[in-house]
Amino acid sequence: MNNSKYSNVRVGYKLWMTGDDGNLIIDDYQFQLLKEIETTGSLMEATNKVGVSYRKAWGDLKNCEQSLGFPLLEKQRGGQDGGHTSLTEEGIRLIRAYEKLHERFQNEVNEVIIDFKRTIKGKK
């Protein structure tokens, strides 16, 4: 057991993007949903993995596309082999950029947290 003062202090944060109008474009939920679509090739399978209804996911992604002004998904309906959902090139670029933003942001936050803990411990 760590008996250090403040050893149980954690700092949390959320990262998301909005449009100028304040409407949500992407957060961790949409990001995870898009990543699962990329991996599985199926919106239905992605919703099952993320734990959200198909209807909610479809509506949320449509709102995201509307805010961005370009499509994120390409859907191919049913047929003999069933349907398929994939990301557009813009969708792929968005999730790669968001992933990079999140990673860089986390690295900076880690430094801030270290500084914060040093300060509350009186070491700075």
Protein backbone atom coordinates (compact mmCIF):
# COMPACT_ATOMS: atom_id res chain seq x y z
CA MET A 1 0.00 0.00 0.00
CA ASN A 2 1.27 3.44 -0.91
CA ASN A 3 0.97 5.68 2.15
CA SER A 4 2.07 8.77 0.24
CA LYS A 5 -0.17 11.78 0.68
CA TYR A 6 -2.36 12.23 -2.42
CA SER A 7 -1.38 8.82 -3.84
CA ASN A 8 -5.06 8.15 -4.53
CA VAL A 9 -5.61 11.39 -6.49
CA ARG A 10 -6.46 10.89 -10.15
CA VAL A 11 -7.15 13.46 -12.82
CA GLY A 12 -9.71 12.69 -15.51
CA TYR A 13 -10.76 14.50 -18.65
CA LYS A 14 -12.80 14.03 -21.80
CA LEU A 15 -11.94 15.16 -25.28
CA TRP A 16 -14.47 15.94 -28.00
CA MET A 17 -14.88 18.14 -31.05
CA THR A 18 -17.79 20.45 -31.86
CA GLY A 19 -18.68 22.65 -34.77
CA ASP A 20 -18.91 26.42 -34.59
CA ASP A 21 -22.59 25.93 -33.76
CA GLY A 22 -21.66 23.90 -30.65
CA ASN A 23 -23.08 20.66 -32.04
CA LEU A 24 -21.05 17.57 -31.23
CA ILE A 25 -18.97 16.24 -34.10
CA ILE A 26 -16.97 13.45 -32.48
CA ASP A 27 -16.20 12.18 -29.01
CA ASP A 28 -14.81 8.92 -27.70
CA TYR A 29 -18.12 7.13 -28.36
CA GLN A 30 -18.30 8.11 -32.05
CA PHE A 31 -14.58 7.44 -32.41
CA GLN A 32 -14.96 3.92 -31.00
CA LEU A 33 -17.98 3.30 -33.19
CA LEU A 34 -16.10 4.38 -36.32
CA LYS A 35 -13.08 2.26 -35.35
CA GLU A 36 -15.33 -0.79 -34.90
CA ILE A 37 -16.97 -0.16 -38.28
CA GLU A 38 -13.51 -0.01 -39.85
CA THR A 39 -12.53 -3.27 -38.15
CA THR A 40 -15.72 -5.26 -38.64
CA GLY A 41 -17.15 -3.78 -41.86
CA SER A 42 -20.54 -3.76 -40.18
CA LEU A 43 -22.49 -1.03 -38.42
CA MET A 44 -24.61 -3.69 -36.68
CA GLU A 45 -21.55 -5.51 -35.35
CA ALA A 46 -19.97 -2.22 -34.31
CA THR A 47 -23.09 -1.23 -32.34
CA ASN A 48 -23.06 -4.58 -30.55
CA LYS A 49 -19.41 -4.13 -29.56
CA VAL A 50 -19.92 -0.54 -28.41
CA GLY A 51 -23.18 -1.39 -26.64
CA VAL A 52 -25.55 1.02 -28.34
CA SER A 53 -28.64 0.53 -30.47
CA TYR A 54 -28.35 0.51 -34.24
CA ARG A 55 -30.88 3.33 -34.51
CA LYS A 56 -28.97 5.56 -32.06
CA ALA A 57 -25.62 4.88 -33.74
CA TRP A 58 -27.03 5.54 -37.22
CA GLY A 59 -28.61 8.82 -36.07
CA ASP A 60 -25.49 9.97 -34.23
CA LEU A 61 -23.25 9.25 -37.21
CA LYS A 62 -25.66 11.02 -39.58
CA ASN A 63 -25.57 14.08 -37.29
CA CYS A 64 -21.78 13.91 -37.28
CA GLU A 65 -21.72 13.80 -41.09
CA GLN A 66 -24.15 16.72 -41.27
CA SER A 67 -21.97 18.82 -38.96
CA LEU A 68 -18.84 17.98 -40.92
CA GLY A 69 -20.44 18.44 -44.31
CA PHE A 70 -19.16 15.19 -45.79
CA PRO A 71 -19.94 11.47 -45.50
CA LEU A 72 -18.03 9.21 -43.13
CA LEU A 73 -19.70 5.95 -44.14
CA GLU A 74 -20.27 3.99 -47.31
CA LYS A 75 -23.10 1.47 -46.99
CA GLN A 76 -23.72 -1.43 -49.30
CA ARG A 77 -27.15 -2.96 -48.69
CA GLY A 78 -27.93 -6.65 -48.30
CA GLY A 79 -27.84 -8.98 -51.23
CA GLN A 80 -26.63 -12.54 -51.32
CA ASP A 81 -23.58 -11.93 -49.14
CA GLY A 82 -25.28 -9.44 -46.82
CA GLY A 83 -24.59 -5.75 -46.36
CA HIS A 84 -21.32 -4.01 -45.67
CA THR A 85 -20.42 -0.68 -44.10
CA SER A 86 -17.04 0.94 -44.53
CA LEU A 87 -15.48 4.30 -43.85
CA THR A 88 -14.97 6.84 -46.59
CA GLU A 89 -11.47 8.24 -47.11
CA GLU A 90 -12.57 11.29 -45.13
CA GLY A 91 -13.83 9.01 -42.35
CA ILE A 92 -10.50 7.21 -42.19
CA ARG A 93 -8.60 10.50 -42.11
CA LEU A 94 -10.88 11.79 -39.34
CA ILE A 95 -10.33 8.80 -37.06
CA ARG A 96 -6.57 8.80 -37.70
CA ALA A 97 -6.38 12.52 -36.92
CA TYR A 98 -8.58 12.13 -33.82
CA GLU A 99 -6.44 9.23 -32.63
CA LYS A 100 -3.28 11.31 -33.09
CA LEU A 101 -4.89 14.31 -31.36
CA HIS A 102 -5.93 12.12 -28.44
CA GLU A 103 -2.45 10.60 -28.14
CA ARG A 104 -0.67 13.96 -28.23
CA PHE A 105 -3.19 15.45 -25.83
CA GLN A 106 -2.68 12.55 -23.41
CA ASN A 107 1.10 13.00 -23.49
CA GLU A 108 0.70 16.68 -22.59
CA VAL A 109 -1.88 15.92 -19.90
CA ASN A 110 0.50 13.38 -18.34
CA GLU A 111 3.11 16.13 -17.93
CA VAL A 112 0.53 18.49 -16.42
CA ILE A 113 -0.61 15.78 -13.98
CA ILE A 114 2.95 15.11 -12.85
CA ASP A 115 3.44 18.84 -12.26
CA PHE A 116 0.09 19.04 -10.43
CA LYS A 117 0.99 16.17 -8.10
CA ARG A 118 4.42 17.64 -7.37
CA THR A 119 2.75 20.93 -6.51
CA ILE A 120 0.14 19.47 -4.14
CA LYS A 121 2.87 17.42 -2.45
CA GLY A 122 4.89 20.64 -1.91
CA LYS A 123 7.77 19.46 -4.11
CA LYS A 124 7.65 22.40 -6.49
